[in-house]
Amino acid sequence: MNIDFKKYFHEFLPLPSEDTSSIEEVINKCDFSFPQDYIDFLSEVGGGESPIGRNSYLIIWPSCDLLNNNADYASFSFATDYFLIGQDAADTAYAIKKSDGMIYEFGFLSNLNKRLLQT
């Protein structure tokens, strides 16, 4: 893991690292490319959670939960161009934007599809 990245994760409670085959299984079921840094991260720590900064919290889902969590949150109904990868301790989602591979945050109550249609 990048040494600069580690300074934000000093309290990170990692899950066991995931083998490449379980991560590849999820990737193969998706219709977009995952960022290599994200794949490397899951290979090293397998997800986990941690306070980030003074007032934030981050939960990164393990690959074995990604498909089910996206289905459970019905992300296809409010964010068709996004694939959820985690959340905070409240109402913020973290997701990979399928069209550009970047990671974004937004409220679970957001309707990104509607917002895009109105602009």
C-alpha atoms as a PDB file:
ATOM      1  CA  MET A   1       0.000   0.000   0.000  1.00  0.00           C
ATOM      2  CA  ASN A   2       1.221   3.495  -0.810  1.00  0.00           C
ATOM      3  CA  ILE A   3       2.973   4.969   2.238  1.00  0.00           C
ATOM      4  CA  ASP A   4       1.129   8.340   1.890  1.00  0.00           C
ATOM      5  CA  PHE A   5      -2.158   6.449   1.875  1.00  0.00           C
ATOM      6  CA  LYS A   6      -1.300   4.629   5.121  1.00  0.00           C
ATOM      7  CA  LYS A   7      -1.248   7.829   7.177  1.00  0.00           C
ATOM      8  CA  TYR A   8      -5.040   8.060   6.793  1.00  0.00           C
ATOM      9  CA  PHE A   9      -5.521   4.441   7.837  1.00  0.00           C
ATOM     10  CA  HIS A  10      -3.570   4.257  11.098  1.00  0.00           C
ATOM     11  CA  GLU A  11      -6.703   2.990  12.925  1.00  0.00           C
ATOM     12  CA  PHE A  12      -7.926   0.862  10.011  1.00  0.00           C
ATOM     13  CA  LEU A  13      -9.352  -2.506  11.014  1.00  0.00           C
ATOM     14  CA  PRO A  14      -8.632  -4.627   7.931  1.00  0.00           C
ATOM     15  CA  LEU A  15     -10.391  -7.785   6.949  1.00  0.00           C
ATOM     16  CA  PRO A  16      -8.214 -10.692   5.855  1.00  0.00           C
ATOM     17  CA  SER A  17      -6.705 -10.145   2.415  1.00  0.00           C
ATOM     18  CA  GLU A  18      -8.631 -11.682  -0.438  1.00  0.00           C
ATOM     19  CA  ASP A  19      -7.217 -14.048  -2.964  1.00  0.00           C
ATOM     20  CA  THR A  20      -7.100 -12.871  -6.530  1.00  0.00           C
ATOM     21  CA  SER A  21      -9.692 -15.387  -7.698  1.00  0.00           C
ATOM     22  CA  SER A  22     -12.478 -13.990  -5.474  1.00  0.00           C
ATOM     23  CA  ILE A  23     -11.769 -10.454  -6.650  1.00  0.00           C
ATOM     24  CA  GLU A  24     -11.582 -11.580 -10.288  1.00  0.00           C
ATOM     25  CA  GLU A  25     -14.923 -13.363  -9.909  1.00  0.00           C
ATOM     26  CA  VAL A  26     -16.606 -10.039  -9.057  1.00  0.00           C
ATOM     27  CA  ILE A  27     -14.723  -8.152 -11.770  1.00  0.00           C
ATOM     28  CA  ASN A  28     -15.811 -10.696 -14.383  1.00  0.00           C
ATOM     29  CA  LYS A  29     -19.470 -10.198 -13.440  1.00  0.00           C
ATOM     30  CA  CYS A  30     -19.278  -6.441 -13.934  1.00  0.00           C
ATOM     31  CA  ASP A  31     -19.511  -4.477 -17.156  1.00  0.00           C
ATOM     32  CA  PHE A  32     -16.764  -1.935 -16.390  1.00  0.00           C
ATOM     33  CA  SER A  33     -13.088  -1.807 -15.424  1.00  0.00           C
ATOM     34  CA  PHE A  34     -12.093  -1.561 -11.774  1.00  0.00           C
ATOM     35  CA  PRO A  35      -9.260   0.847 -10.904  1.00  0.00           C
ATOM     36  CA  GLN A  36      -6.026  -1.094 -10.370  1.00  0.00           C
ATOM     37  CA  ASP A  37      -5.358   0.726  -7.066  1.00  0.00           C
ATOM     38  CA  TYR A  38      -8.691  -0.528  -5.746  1.00  0.00           C
ATOM     39  CA  ILE A  39      -7.933  -4.099  -6.849  1.00  0.00           C
ATOM     40  CA  ASP A  40      -4.507  -3.879  -5.198  1.00  0.00           C
ATOM     41  CA  PHE A  41      -6.095  -2.545  -2.018  1.00  0.00           C
ATOM     42  CA  LEU A  42      -8.565  -5.450  -1.806  1.00  0.00           C
ATOM     43  CA  SER A  43      -5.753  -7.903  -2.500  1.00  0.00           C
ATOM     44  CA  GLU A  44      -3.778  -6.477   0.390  1.00  0.00           C
ATOM     45  CA  VAL A  45      -6.421  -5.884   3.053  1.00  0.00           C
ATOM     46  CA  GLY A  46      -9.745  -7.256   1.762  1.00  0.00           C
ATOM     47  CA  GLY A  47     -11.822  -4.312   2.977  1.00  0.00           C
ATOM     48  CA  GLY A  48     -12.359  -3.071   6.501  1.00  0.00           C
ATOM     49  CA  GLU A  49     -13.284   0.042   8.412  1.00  0.00           C
ATOM     50  CA  SER A  50     -11.777   2.986  10.211  1.00  0.00           C
ATOM     51  CA  PRO A  51     -12.300   6.495  11.460  1.00  0.00           C
ATOM     52  CA  ILE A  52     -10.884   8.886   8.855  1.00  0.00           C
ATOM     53  CA  GLY A  53      -9.873  12.297  10.124  1.00  0.00           C
ATOM     54  CA  ARG A  54     -11.761  13.868  13.026  1.00  0.00           C
ATOM     55  CA  ASN A  55     -15.398  13.392  12.091  1.00  0.00           C
ATOM     56  CA  SER A  56     -15.581  10.762   9.372  1.00  0.00           C
ATOM     57  CA  TYR A  57     -15.795   7.013   9.191  1.00  0.00           C
ATOM     58  CA  LEU A  58     -15.149   4.682   6.257  1.00  0.00           C
ATOM     59  CA  ILE A  59     -16.317   1.138   5.605  1.00  0.00           C
ATOM     60  CA  ILE A  60     -14.822  -0.541   2.539  1.00  0.00           C
ATOM     61  CA  TRP A  61     -16.754  -3.650   1.594  1.00  0.00           C
ATOM     62  CA  PRO A  62     -14.890  -6.886   0.818  1.00  0.00           C
ATOM     63  CA  SER A  63     -15.287  -8.217  -2.707  1.00  0.00           C
ATOM     64  CA  CYS A  64     -17.524 -11.053  -1.498  1.00  0.00           C
ATOM     65  CA  ASP A  65     -20.140  -8.445  -0.441  1.00  0.00           C
ATOM     66  CA  LEU A  66     -19.974  -6.099  -3.428  1.00  0.00           C
ATOM     67  CA  LEU A  67     -22.553  -7.695  -5.716  1.00  0.00           C
ATOM     68  CA  ASN A  68     -25.053  -8.415  -2.930  1.00  0.00           C
ATOM     69  CA  ASN A  69     -24.695  -4.948  -1.389  1.00  0.00           C
ATOM     70  CA  ASN A  70     -25.251  -3.276  -4.758  1.00  0.00           C
ATOM     71  CA  ALA A  71     -28.377  -5.390  -5.220  1.00  0.00           C
ATOM     72  CA  ASP A  72     -29.591  -4.783  -1.657  1.00  0.00           C
ATOM     73  CA  TYR A  73     -29.156  -1.010  -1.972  1.00  0.00           C
ATOM     74  CA  ALA A  74     -30.709  -1.152  -5.468  1.00  0.00           C
ATOM     75  CA  SER A  75     -27.995   1.160  -6.774  1.00  0.00           C
ATOM     76  CA  PHE A  76     -29.247   0.501 -10.306  1.00  0.00           C
ATOM     77  CA  SER A  77     -32.345   2.552  -9.454  1.00  0.00           C
ATOM     78  CA  PHE A  78     -30.579   5.743  -8.361  1.00  0.00           C
ATOM     79  CA  ALA A  79     -27.044   5.533  -9.740  1.00  0.00           C
ATOM     80  CA  THR A  80     -26.826   3.479 -12.916  1.00  0.00           C
ATOM     81  CA  ASP A  81     -23.287   4.621 -13.776  1.00  0.00           C
ATOM     82  CA  TYR A  82     -21.935   3.793 -10.303  1.00  0.00           C
ATOM     83  CA  PHE A  83     -20.900   0.624  -8.503  1.00  0.00           C
ATOM     84  CA  LEU A  84     -20.999   0.858  -4.709  1.00  0.00           C
ATOM     85  CA  ILE A  85     -17.851  -0.190  -2.842  1.00  0.00           C
ATOM     86  CA  GLY A  86     -18.466   1.128   0.665  1.00  0.00           C
ATOM     87  CA  GLN A  87     -20.126   3.600   2.963  1.00  0.00           C
ATOM     88  CA  ASP A  88     -19.596   5.789   5.983  1.00  0.00           C
ATOM     89  CA  ALA A  89     -21.320   5.343   9.339  1.00  0.00           C
ATOM     90  CA  ALA A  90     -24.319   7.406   8.226  1.00  0.00           C
ATOM     91  CA  ASP A  91     -25.794   8.020   4.760  1.00  0.00           C
ATOM     92  CA  THR A  92     -22.813   8.418   2.444  1.00  0.00           C
ATOM     93  CA  ALA A  93     -22.013   5.905  -0.271  1.00  0.00           C
ATOM     94  CA  TYR A  94     -18.630   5.407  -1.951  1.00  0.00           C
ATOM     95  CA  ALA A  95     -18.711   4.127  -5.507  1.00  0.00           C
ATOM     96  CA  ILE A  96     -16.686   3.614  -8.646  1.00  0.00           C
ATOM     97  CA  LYS A  97     -18.078   5.565 -11.576  1.00  0.00           C
ATOM     98  CA  LYS A  98     -18.246   2.994 -14.349  1.00  0.00           C
ATOM     99  CA  SER A  99     -17.588   5.443 -17.170  1.00  0.00           C
ATOM    100  CA  ASP A 100     -14.343   6.895 -15.782  1.00  0.00           C
ATOM    101  CA  GLY A 101     -13.100   4.495 -13.065  1.00  0.00           C
ATOM    102  CA  MET A 102     -12.893   7.262 -10.447  1.00  0.00           C
ATOM    103  CA  ILE A 103     -14.203   6.858  -6.905  1.00  0.00           C
ATOM    104  CA  TYR A 104     -16.962   9.232  -5.770  1.00  0.00           C
ATOM    105  CA  GLU A 105     -19.001   9.844  -2.667  1.00  0.00           C
ATOM    106  CA  PHE A 106     -22.680  10.782  -2.558  1.00  0.00           C
ATOM    107  CA  GLY A 107     -25.696  10.408  -0.300  1.00  0.00           C
ATOM    108  CA  PHE A 108     -27.591   7.133  -0.388  1.00  0.00           C
ATOM    109  CA  LEU A 109     -30.742   9.226  -0.785  1.00  0.00           C
ATOM    110  CA  SER A 110     -29.392  10.955  -3.905  1.00  0.00           C
ATOM    111  CA  ASN A 111     -30.995  10.234  -7.225  1.00  0.00           C
ATOM    112  CA  LEU A 112     -28.049  10.615  -9.556  1.00  0.00           C
ATOM    113  CA  ASN A 113     -30.063   9.401 -12.532  1.00  0.00           C
ATOM    114  CA  LYS A 114     -32.631  12.184 -12.089  1.00  0.00           C
ATOM    115  CA  ARG A 115     -29.927  14.790 -11.524  1.00  0.00           C
ATOM    116  CA  LEU A 116     -28.186  13.784 -14.736  1.00  0.00           C
ATOM    117  CA  LEU A 117     -31.405  13.917 -16.716  1.00  0.00           C
ATOM    118  CA  GLN A 118     -32.188  17.450 -15.538  1.00  0.00           C
ATOM    119  CA  THR A 119     -28.827  18.992 -16.455  1.00  0.00           C
END
